[in-house]
N, C-alpha and C. Protein backbone atom coordinates (compact mmCIF):
# COMPACT_ATOMS: atom_id res chain seq x y z
N MET A 1 151.27 206.14 200.36
CA MET A 1 150.88 207.57 200.65
C MET A 1 151.39 208.81 200.97
N SER A 2 151.23 209.74 200.76
CA SER A 2 152.00 210.74 200.87
C SER A 2 151.27 211.59 202.18
N TRP A 3 151.91 212.52 202.70
CA TRP A 3 151.45 213.47 204.11
C TRP A 3 150.22 214.38 203.69
N LEU A 4 150.69 214.74 202.36
CA LEU A 4 149.64 216.09 201.80
C LEU A 4 148.57 214.98 201.39
N MET A 5 148.73 213.58 200.96
CA MET A 5 146.98 213.20 200.55
C MET A 5 146.30 212.64 201.92
N LEU A 6 147.16 212.50 203.00
CA LEU A 6 146.60 211.90 204.24
C LEU A 6 145.74 213.32 204.65
N ALA A 7 146.42 214.05 204.60
CA ALA A 7 145.59 215.81 205.01
C ALA A 7 144.19 216.05 204.13
N ALA A 8 144.37 215.59 202.67
CA ALA A 8 143.29 216.38 202.27
C ALA A 8 141.98 215.13 202.59
N LEU A 9 142.33 213.55 202.68
CA LEU A 9 141.50 212.71 203.35
C LEU A 9 140.82 213.21 204.62
N GLY A 10 141.75 213.54 205.37
CA GLY A 10 141.35 214.41 206.62
C GLY A 10 140.59 215.30 206.84
N MET A 11 140.65 216.22 205.94
CA MET A 11 139.72 217.04 205.72
C MET A 11 138.65 216.95 204.84
N MET A 12 138.80 216.25 204.35
CA MET A 12 137.17 215.61 203.67
C MET A 12 136.08 215.00 204.61
N TRP A 13 136.57 213.84 205.31
CA TRP A 13 136.09 213.07 206.32
C TRP A 13 135.91 214.63 207.42
N ALA A 14 136.49 215.22 207.63
CA ALA A 14 135.99 216.24 208.93
C ALA A 14 134.97 217.22 208.54
N ALA A 15 135.00 217.39 206.84
CA ALA A 15 133.77 218.34 206.21
C ALA A 15 132.62 217.30 206.11
N PHE A 16 132.71 216.27 206.01
CA PHE A 16 131.58 215.12 205.90
C PHE A 16 130.72 214.80 207.64
N LEU A 17 131.86 214.69 208.18
CA LEU A 17 131.52 214.13 209.53
C LEU A 17 130.53 215.45 210.80
N LEU A 18 131.15 216.57 210.55
CA LEU A 18 131.17 217.92 210.99
C LEU A 18 129.40 218.65 210.85
N PRO A 19 128.70 218.25 211.45
CA PRO A 19 127.01 218.68 211.11
C PRO A 19 127.23 220.37 210.64
N ILE A 20 126.20 220.43 209.61
CA ILE A 20 126.18 221.49 209.08
C ILE A 20 125.15 222.38 209.71
N ARG A 21 125.17 223.50 210.22
CA ARG A 21 124.19 224.20 211.28
C ARG A 21 122.91 224.58 210.33
N LYS A 22 122.17 224.20 210.65
CA LYS A 22 120.85 224.53 209.58
C LYS A 22 119.87 225.41 210.01
N ALA A 23 119.41 226.82 209.75
CA ALA A 23 118.46 227.85 210.57
C ALA A 23 117.17 227.28 210.93
N SER A 24 116.96 227.59 212.02
CA SER A 24 115.90 227.30 212.54
C SER A 24 114.65 228.41 212.70
N PRO A 25 113.63 228.04 213.13
CA PRO A 25 112.55 229.05 213.37
C PRO A 25 112.87 229.71 214.59
N SER A 26 113.35 229.33 215.66
CA SER A 26 114.10 229.85 216.70
C SER A 26 115.10 230.70 216.54
N ASP A 27 115.88 230.46 215.47
CA ASP A 27 117.22 231.40 214.70
C ASP A 27 116.66 232.92 214.30
N SER A 28 115.51 232.58 213.88
CA SER A 28 115.03 233.89 213.33
C SER A 28 114.57 234.65 214.43
N VAL A 29 113.76 234.02 215.48
CA VAL A 29 113.71 234.97 216.78
C VAL A 29 114.74 235.42 216.91
N LYS A 30 115.77 235.06 216.88
CA LYS A 30 116.91 235.61 217.84
C LYS A 30 117.41 236.50 216.77
N ASP A 31 117.49 236.25 216.05
CA ASP A 31 117.75 237.36 214.60
C ASP A 31 117.23 238.95 214.77
N PHE A 32 115.82 238.31 215.33
CA PHE A 32 114.99 239.51 215.40
C PHE A 32 115.15 240.43 216.69
N GLU A 33 115.30 239.35 217.77
CA GLU A 33 115.51 239.93 218.92
C GLU A 33 116.44 240.94 218.97
N ARG A 34 117.78 240.59 218.30
CA ARG A 34 119.49 241.15 218.27
C ARG A 34 118.85 242.55 217.20
N ASN A 35 118.51 242.29 216.47
CA ASN A 35 118.02 243.57 215.74
C ASN A 35 117.55 244.80 215.88
N MET A 36 116.66 244.26 217.03
CA MET A 36 115.74 245.48 217.73
C MET A 36 116.32 246.36 219.01
N GLU A 37 117.29 244.84 219.26
CA GLU A 37 118.80 245.69 220.42
C GLU A 37 119.55 246.37 219.89
N LEU A 38 119.89 246.19 218.76
CA LEU A 38 120.61 246.87 217.57
C LEU A 38 120.23 248.40 217.47
N LEU A 39 118.79 248.22 217.19
CA LEU A 39 117.85 249.38 216.95
C LEU A 39 117.45 250.55 218.00
N ALA A 40 117.44 250.11 219.35
CA ALA A 40 117.32 250.16 220.42
C ALA A 40 118.54 250.98 221.07
N ASP A 41 119.81 250.75 220.67
CA ASP A 41 120.92 251.13 221.19
C ASP A 41 121.39 252.30 220.19
N THR A 42 120.83 252.19 218.86
CA THR A 42 120.78 253.66 217.86
C THR A 42 120.23 254.67 218.66
N ASP A 43 118.84 254.40 218.73
CA ASP A 43 117.60 255.37 219.15
C ASP A 43 117.78 255.74 220.72
N ARG A 44 118.75 256.70 221.04
CA ARG A 44 118.65 257.42 222.91
C ARG A 44 117.77 258.17 223.09
N ARG A 45 116.68 257.88 222.36
CA ARG A 45 115.70 259.11 222.90
C ARG A 45 115.18 258.97 223.91
N GLN A 46 114.49 259.81 224.92
CA GLN A 46 114.03 260.24 226.53
C GLN A 46 112.83 259.02 226.29
N GLY A 47 112.43 258.64 227.19
CA GLY A 47 111.04 257.81 227.26
C GLY A 47 110.76 256.84 228.23
N ARG A 48 109.62 256.23 228.06
CA ARG A 48 109.85 255.01 229.19
C ARG A 48 109.98 253.99 228.31
N TRP A 49 110.88 252.81 229.61
CA TRP A 49 111.37 251.63 228.86
C TRP A 49 110.63 250.50 229.57
N ILE A 50 110.19 249.34 229.08
CA ILE A 50 109.41 248.56 229.38
C ILE A 50 110.31 246.86 229.44
N VAL A 51 110.90 246.66 230.41
CA VAL A 51 111.30 245.22 229.99
C VAL A 51 110.84 244.28 230.54
N THR A 52 110.42 243.29 229.48
CA THR A 52 109.88 242.13 229.83
C THR A 52 110.43 240.66 229.58
N PRO A 53 110.70 239.30 230.10
CA PRO A 53 111.59 238.45 229.58
C PRO A 53 110.98 238.00 228.42
N ARG A 54 111.80 237.19 227.36
CA ARG A 54 111.60 236.92 226.46
C ARG A 54 110.29 235.90 225.89
N LYS A 55 109.80 236.08 224.67
CA LYS A 55 108.72 235.12 224.91
C LYS A 55 109.10 233.63 224.94
N GLY A 56 108.02 232.89 225.87
CA GLY A 56 108.47 231.24 226.64
C GLY A 56 109.27 231.38 227.57
N MET A 57 110.15 232.34 227.90
CA MET A 57 111.09 232.53 229.01
C MET A 57 110.35 232.58 230.21
N ALA A 58 110.92 231.92 231.61
CA ALA A 58 110.18 232.45 232.89
C ALA A 58 110.96 233.32 233.23
N PHE A 59 110.85 234.35 233.98
CA PHE A 59 111.24 235.24 234.81
C PHE A 59 111.66 234.84 236.26
N VAL A 60 113.14 234.47 235.86
CA VAL A 60 114.29 234.12 236.92
C VAL A 60 114.98 234.90 237.50
N GLY A 61 115.82 235.01 238.89
CA GLY A 61 116.26 235.94 238.95
C GLY A 61 118.23 235.18 238.94
N PRO A 62 118.64 236.14 239.44
CA PRO A 62 120.21 235.79 238.93
C PRO A 62 121.02 234.38 238.93
N ARG A 63 120.44 233.95 240.22
CA ARG A 63 120.96 232.70 241.03
C ARG A 63 120.27 231.69 240.03
N ALA A 64 119.20 231.85 239.50
CA ALA A 64 118.66 230.77 238.94
C ALA A 64 119.59 230.61 237.26
N ARG A 65 119.66 232.07 236.50
CA ARG A 65 120.06 232.43 235.58
C ARG A 65 121.51 231.63 235.56
N GLU A 66 122.11 231.62 236.86
CA GLU A 66 123.41 230.81 236.92
C GLU A 66 123.41 229.84 236.74
N HIS A 67 122.61 229.02 237.28
CA HIS A 67 122.46 227.91 237.29
C HIS A 67 122.14 227.19 236.20
N VAL A 68 120.98 227.58 235.17
CA VAL A 68 120.70 227.28 233.92
C VAL A 68 122.09 227.43 232.99
N ARG A 69 122.98 228.90 233.36
CA ARG A 69 123.96 228.74 232.22
C ARG A 69 125.18 227.81 232.40
N ALA A 70 125.24 227.38 234.02
CA ALA A 70 125.80 226.12 233.93
C ALA A 70 125.69 225.07 233.27
N ARG A 71 124.74 224.50 233.50
CA ARG A 71 123.75 223.23 232.96
C ARG A 71 124.11 223.12 231.65
N GLU A 72 124.07 224.44 230.85
CA GLU A 72 124.42 224.57 229.72
C GLU A 72 125.97 224.15 229.40
N ARG A 73 126.23 225.29 229.92
CA ARG A 73 128.13 224.85 229.87
C ARG A 73 128.42 223.13 229.92
N ARG A 74 127.85 222.75 231.07
CA ARG A 74 127.89 221.16 230.91
C ARG A 74 127.78 220.62 230.08
N ARG A 75 126.50 220.67 229.41
CA ARG A 75 126.27 220.21 228.23
C ARG A 75 126.63 220.16 227.20
N ARG A 76 127.47 221.18 226.82
CA ARG A 76 128.08 221.28 225.69
C ARG A 76 129.64 220.83 225.77
N VAL A 77 129.87 220.73 226.88
CA VAL A 77 131.05 220.18 227.37
C VAL A 77 131.11 218.67 227.29
N LEU A 78 129.58 218.00 227.59
CA LEU A 78 129.60 216.37 227.45
C LEU A 78 129.33 216.17 226.15
N VAL A 79 128.39 217.09 224.95
CA VAL A 79 128.61 216.68 223.99
C VAL A 79 129.68 216.82 223.10
N PHE A 80 130.63 217.92 223.62
CA PHE A 80 132.15 217.76 222.75
C PHE A 80 132.69 216.54 223.01
N LEU A 81 132.77 216.16 224.37
CA LEU A 81 133.67 214.81 224.79
C LEU A 81 132.68 213.56 223.67
N LEU A 82 131.77 213.41 223.49
CA LEU A 82 131.02 212.78 223.18
C LEU A 82 131.16 212.86 221.59
N GLU A 83 131.18 213.55 220.94
CA GLU A 83 131.62 214.10 219.57
C GLU A 83 133.24 213.94 219.07
N SER A 84 134.11 214.14 220.05
CA SER A 84 135.35 213.81 219.65
C SER A 84 135.62 212.22 219.87
N ILE A 85 135.08 211.94 220.89
CA ILE A 85 135.53 210.18 221.14
C ILE A 85 134.78 209.61 219.72
N VAL A 86 133.67 209.68 219.15
CA VAL A 86 133.15 209.32 218.04
C VAL A 86 134.26 209.67 216.97
N LEU A 87 134.41 210.94 216.80
CA LEU A 87 135.45 211.41 215.62
C LEU A 87 136.72 210.58 215.67
N SER A 88 137.32 210.50 216.84
CA SER A 88 138.89 209.86 217.15
C SER A 88 138.36 208.27 216.23
N PHE A 89 137.41 207.45 217.20
CA PHE A 89 137.43 206.27 216.70
C PHE A 89 137.28 206.47 215.19
N LEU A 90 136.50 206.92 214.53
CA LEU A 90 136.26 206.73 213.30
C LEU A 90 137.52 207.23 212.32
N ILE A 91 138.47 208.08 212.98
CA ILE A 91 139.42 208.44 212.21
C ILE A 91 140.57 207.26 212.38
N GLY A 92 140.47 206.28 213.47
CA GLY A 92 141.37 205.23 214.15
C GLY A 92 140.84 204.35 213.09
N LEU A 93 139.87 204.01 212.43
CA LEU A 93 139.11 202.79 211.51
C LEU A 93 140.30 202.89 210.13
N VAL A 94 140.84 203.84 209.76
CA VAL A 94 141.77 204.27 208.88
C VAL A 94 143.03 203.50 209.31
N PRO A 95 143.82 202.42 208.41
CA PRO A 95 144.73 201.61 208.90
C PRO A 95 146.17 202.24 209.49
N PRO A 96 146.71 203.13 208.42
CA PRO A 96 147.57 204.10 209.14
C PRO A 96 147.47 205.03 210.13
N LEU A 97 146.23 205.39 210.75
CA LEU A 97 145.71 206.29 211.62
C LEU A 97 145.56 205.18 213.21
N ARG A 98 145.68 204.04 213.13
CA ARG A 98 145.45 203.20 214.30
C ARG A 98 145.82 203.81 215.68
N ASP A 99 146.70 204.38 215.55
CA ASP A 99 146.97 205.54 216.92
C ASP A 99 146.16 206.11 217.35
N MET A 100 145.00 206.71 216.97
CA MET A 100 143.99 207.57 217.10
C MET A 100 142.78 207.09 218.21
N TRP A 101 143.18 205.48 218.20
CA TRP A 101 142.32 204.63 219.18
C TRP A 101 143.15 204.90 220.37
N PHE A 102 144.31 205.47 220.49
CA PHE A 102 144.40 206.10 221.76
C PHE A 102 144.00 207.14 222.46
N ALA A 103 143.83 208.03 221.43
CA ALA A 103 143.19 209.38 221.87
C ALA A 103 141.71 209.25 222.12
N THR A 104 140.98 207.83 221.17
CA THR A 104 139.62 207.65 221.87
C THR A 104 139.68 206.89 223.30
N ALA A 105 140.51 206.19 223.56
CA ALA A 105 140.87 205.90 224.80
C ALA A 105 141.11 207.02 226.28
N ALA A 106 141.34 207.80 225.60
CA ALA A 106 142.10 208.50 227.00
C ALA A 106 140.61 210.10 226.82
N LEU A 107 139.99 209.99 225.65
CA LEU A 107 138.85 210.83 225.78
C LEU A 107 137.92 210.26 226.58
N SER A 108 137.79 208.65 226.34
CA SER A 108 136.75 208.28 227.00
C SER A 108 136.82 208.22 228.59
N GLY A 109 138.27 208.05 229.00
CA GLY A 109 138.21 208.08 230.56
C GLY A 109 138.16 209.39 231.03
N LEU A 110 138.21 210.57 229.62
CA LEU A 110 137.73 211.99 230.62
C LEU A 110 136.25 211.85 231.00
N LEU A 111 135.93 211.25 229.89
CA LEU A 111 134.21 211.05 230.04
C LEU A 111 133.59 210.29 231.20
N VAL A 112 134.37 209.89 231.23
CA VAL A 112 134.07 208.83 232.59
C VAL A 112 134.03 209.53 233.63
N ILE A 113 135.32 210.54 233.66
CA ILE A 113 135.68 210.99 234.94
C ILE A 113 134.78 212.71 234.95
N TYR A 114 134.23 213.02 233.77
CA TYR A 114 133.56 214.27 233.87
C TYR A 114 132.14 213.41 234.33
N VAL A 115 131.48 212.48 233.75
CA VAL A 115 130.51 211.91 234.12
C VAL A 115 130.18 211.94 235.77
N TRP A 116 131.42 210.93 236.19
CA TRP A 116 131.40 211.24 237.71
C TRP A 116 131.00 212.22 238.54
N MET A 117 131.90 213.62 237.92
CA MET A 117 132.24 214.86 238.44
C MET A 117 130.86 215.11 238.53
N LEU A 118 129.97 215.39 237.58
CA LEU A 118 128.61 216.06 237.33
C LEU A 118 127.26 214.95 238.27
N VAL A 119 127.66 214.01 238.70
CA VAL A 119 126.82 213.19 239.65
C VAL A 119 127.08 213.43 240.97
N SER A 120 128.53 213.65 241.39
CA SER A 120 128.99 214.27 242.44
C SER A 120 128.36 215.53 242.73
N ILE A 121 128.35 216.23 241.75
CA ILE A 121 128.10 217.84 241.83
C ILE A 121 126.29 217.87 242.30
N LYS A 122 125.78 216.69 241.44
CA LYS A 122 123.94 216.92 241.55
C LYS A 122 123.75 216.20 243.00
N GLN A 123 124.59 215.44 243.24
CA GLN A 123 124.46 214.76 244.58
C GLN A 123 124.56 216.01 246.11
N GLY A 124 125.46 216.64 245.30
CA GLY A 124 126.06 217.56 246.48
C GLY A 124 124.78 218.58 246.52
N ALA A 125 124.53 219.04 245.67
CA ALA A 125 123.35 220.19 245.25
C ALA A 125 121.94 219.51 246.18
N GLN A 126 121.95 218.28 245.55
CA GLN A 126 120.68 217.91 246.69
C GLN A 126 120.46 217.75 248.17
N ALA A 127 122.02 217.45 248.50
CA ALA A 127 122.10 217.33 249.94
C ALA A 127 122.04 218.76 250.76
N ARG A 128 122.61 219.85 249.89
CA ARG A 128 122.38 221.16 250.62
C ARG A 128 121.06 221.63 250.67
N SER A 129 120.27 221.14 249.45
CA SER A 129 119.12 221.80 249.61
C SER A 129 118.41 221.10 250.78
N ARG A 130 118.59 220.09 251.32
CA ARG A 130 118.17 218.79 252.12
C ARG A 130 118.27 219.57 253.65
N GLU A 131 119.38 219.90 253.67
CA GLU A 131 120.30 220.51 254.72
C GLU A 131 119.18 222.08 255.17
N ARG A 132 119.46 222.91 254.08
CA ARG A 132 118.81 224.34 253.97
C ARG A 132 117.44 224.05 254.37
N ALA A 133 116.67 223.19 254.02
CA ALA A 133 115.37 222.87 254.38
C ALA A 133 115.08 222.48 256.07
N ARG A 134 116.10 221.52 256.15
CA ARG A 134 116.04 220.96 257.49
C ARG A 134 116.32 222.18 258.57
N ALA A 135 117.57 223.53 258.12
CA ALA A 135 117.86 224.48 259.13
C ALA A 135 116.36 225.20 259.00
N VAL A 136 115.78 225.54 258.22
CA VAL A 136 114.35 226.43 258.22
C VAL A 136 113.47 226.06 259.05
N GLY A 137 113.17 224.72 258.90
CA GLY A 137 112.10 223.98 259.90
C GLY A 137 111.18 223.77 258.71
N ALA A 138 111.76 223.75 257.35
CA ALA A 138 110.84 222.95 256.45
C ALA A 138 110.74 221.71 256.48
N PRO A 139 109.26 220.89 256.15
CA PRO A 139 109.78 219.41 255.44
C PRO A 139 110.47 219.43 254.28
N ALA A 140 111.71 218.46 254.05
CA ALA A 140 112.10 218.06 253.21
C ALA A 140 111.51 217.83 251.80
N GLU A 141 110.23 217.35 251.96
CA GLU A 141 109.50 217.07 250.96
C GLU A 141 107.95 218.05 251.11
N ALA A 142 107.47 218.54 250.23
CA ALA A 142 106.38 219.55 250.13
C ALA A 142 104.58 218.22 250.70
N PRO A 143 104.54 218.67 251.67
CA PRO A 143 103.29 217.81 251.96
C PRO A 143 102.22 217.96 250.87
N PRO A 144 101.30 216.62 250.64
CA PRO A 144 100.41 216.46 249.69
C PRO A 144 99.07 217.82 250.40
N ALA A 145 98.30 218.09 248.80
CA ALA A 145 97.45 219.29 249.21
C ALA A 145 96.58 218.89 249.85
N PRO A 146 96.10 219.45 251.04
CA PRO A 146 94.92 218.89 251.79
C PRO A 146 93.35 218.93 250.99
N GLN A 147 92.66 217.89 251.61
CA GLN A 147 91.69 217.46 250.93
C GLN A 147 90.49 218.35 251.77
N ARG A 148 89.83 219.02 250.37
CA ARG A 148 88.60 219.75 251.17
C ARG A 148 87.48 219.34 250.59
N TYR A 149 86.24 219.96 251.77
CA TYR A 149 85.11 219.19 251.72
C TYR A 149 84.01 220.21 251.66
N ALA A 150 82.99 220.01 251.14
CA ALA A 150 82.23 221.39 250.96
C ALA A 150 80.71 220.64 251.25
N ALA A 151 79.81 220.86 251.65
CA ALA A 151 78.25 220.75 251.78
C ALA A 151 77.54 221.27 250.89
N GLU A 152 76.84 220.62 249.76
CA GLU A 152 76.02 221.24 248.78
C GLU A 152 74.56 221.38 248.97
N GLY A 153 74.13 222.72 248.74
CA GLY A 153 72.76 222.66 249.30
C GLY A 153 72.41 222.80 250.75
N ARG A 154 71.31 222.38 250.88
CA ARG A 154 70.93 221.95 252.68
C ARG A 154 71.36 220.87 253.21
N GLY A 155 72.37 219.77 252.03
CA GLY A 155 72.45 218.59 252.78
C GLY A 155 74.08 218.75 253.90
N ARG A 156 73.86 218.14 254.95
CA ARG A 156 74.49 218.22 256.06
C ARG A 156 75.79 217.43 255.82
N ASN A 157 76.16 216.26 254.85
CA ASN A 157 76.79 215.80 254.11
C ASN A 157 77.87 216.27 253.53
N ALA A 158 79.29 216.43 254.13
CA ALA A 158 80.09 217.16 252.86
C ALA A 158 80.65 216.31 252.42
N ARG A 159 80.94 216.40 250.77
CA ARG A 159 81.77 215.65 249.97
C ARG A 159 83.10 216.30 249.48
N PRO A 160 84.01 215.66 249.19
CA PRO A 160 85.11 216.09 248.67
C PRO A 160 85.29 216.69 247.32
N THR A 161 85.89 218.04 247.27
CA THR A 161 85.81 218.87 245.93
C THR A 161 87.19 218.91 245.46
N PHE A 162 87.07 219.01 244.52
CA PHE A 162 88.11 219.45 244.08
C PHE A 162 88.64 220.63 242.58
N ASN A 163 89.18 221.52 243.15
CA ASN A 163 89.53 223.02 242.80
C ASN A 163 88.08 223.83 242.57
N GLY A 164 87.39 223.62 243.92
CA GLY A 164 86.32 223.93 244.06
C GLY A 164 84.84 223.46 243.50
N LEU A 165 85.09 222.39 243.10
CA LEU A 165 84.16 221.64 242.01
C LEU A 165 83.80 220.04 243.25
N GLY A 166 82.52 220.08 243.12
CA GLY A 166 81.84 218.69 244.02
C GLY A 166 82.55 217.14 243.01
N ALA A 167 82.52 216.57 243.93
CA ALA A 167 82.75 215.07 243.35
C ALA A 167 81.73 214.37 242.72
N HIS A 168 81.51 214.01 242.11
CA HIS A 168 80.11 213.33 241.82
C HIS A 168 80.35 212.17 242.51
N ASP A 169 79.21 211.25 243.32
CA ASP A 169 79.18 210.46 243.81
C ASP A 169 78.27 209.25 242.88
N PRO A 170 78.76 208.34 242.20
CA PRO A 170 78.18 207.34 241.44
C PRO A 170 76.91 206.73 242.00
N GLU A 171 76.65 206.73 243.17
CA GLU A 171 76.01 205.90 244.11
C GLU A 171 74.89 206.58 243.95
N ASP A 172 74.98 207.96 243.63
CA ASP A 172 73.63 209.29 244.01
C ASP A 172 73.13 209.36 242.33
N ALA A 173 72.33 208.79 242.31
CA ALA A 173 71.39 209.08 240.98
C ALA A 173 70.82 209.78 241.21
N ALA A 174 70.32 210.48 241.81
CA ALA A 174 69.48 211.93 241.81
C ALA A 174 70.16 213.13 241.08
N ASP A 175 71.22 213.22 241.64
CA ASP A 175 71.89 214.38 240.87
C ASP A 175 71.96 214.63 239.11
N ILE A 176 71.58 213.70 238.42
CA ILE A 176 72.04 213.62 237.13
C ILE A 176 70.21 213.39 236.62
N VAL A 177 69.52 214.28 235.67
CA VAL A 177 68.67 214.32 235.27
C VAL A 177 69.09 214.40 233.67
N VAL A 178 68.18 213.13 232.78
CA VAL A 178 68.49 213.25 231.28
C VAL A 178 67.54 213.18 230.46
N ARG A 179 67.22 214.54 229.62
CA ARG A 179 66.16 214.78 229.25
C ARG A 179 66.37 214.53 227.77
N ARG A 180 65.44 214.43 226.56
CA ARG A 180 65.42 214.45 225.31
C ARG A 180 65.07 215.81 225.17
N ALA A 181 65.76 216.37 223.99
CA ALA A 181 65.58 217.65 223.45
C ALA A 181 64.00 217.86 223.52
N ARG A 182 63.18 216.93 222.64
CA ARG A 182 61.27 216.95 222.46
C ARG A 182 60.79 217.13 223.89
N GLN A 183 61.70 216.48 224.74
CA GLN A 183 60.82 216.57 226.26
C GLN A 183 61.16 218.28 226.78
N ALA A 184 62.12 218.31 226.92
CA ALA A 184 62.88 219.69 227.19
C ALA A 184 62.30 220.84 226.53
N ARG A 185 61.45 220.77 225.29
CA ARG A 185 61.13 221.59 224.51
C ARG A 185 59.12 222.01 224.92
N VAL A 186 58.90 220.84 225.44
CA VAL A 186 57.29 220.55 225.40
C VAL A 186 57.27 221.07 227.38
N ALA A 187 58.19 221.01 227.61
CA ALA A 187 58.31 221.12 228.94
C ALA A 187 58.39 222.90 229.32
N GLY A 188 58.99 223.47 228.74
CA GLY A 188 59.30 224.48 228.21
C GLY A 188 58.00 225.58 227.57
N ALA A 189 57.35 224.64 226.78
CA ALA A 189 56.36 225.49 225.97
C ALA A 189 54.96 225.66 227.14
């Protein structure tokens, strides 16, 4: 087998294995937003501009945005390593290209080191947040919501409430009155 034939085979494998990007509804929304931004850049009239977060996105500060970007970068690196491992393994299945399994082993080692690094970063961030909470004097864990009680009507006994609504006591059947529709019309007539 010549090297030219081997290169052609490699290109065919790459074309077959690499994912084809399909358009999704979110892509059309992003295209619309990009076009609107271009339109806004071309129209430089005076006026009042209202800046709002994108639909479905929470309004976050610069620090939270930086954390989101870092998380997305880390996810992309992780996916790249996984895809590279799978692709190099599949290329190594061809008998003349068995040396690609060395690349697979090296990439697997990089993946293990990267995952270890991600876990240590996460543990460090959790420890720092606990230390900040202790320094401020706040408890590390949020305390449970207090149980609220309210007395209904002229009653003296308070009952627990949930979101302002009184709880139903199953032993107290006097709260519930069931009437048929005929009875309700007769009583109202």
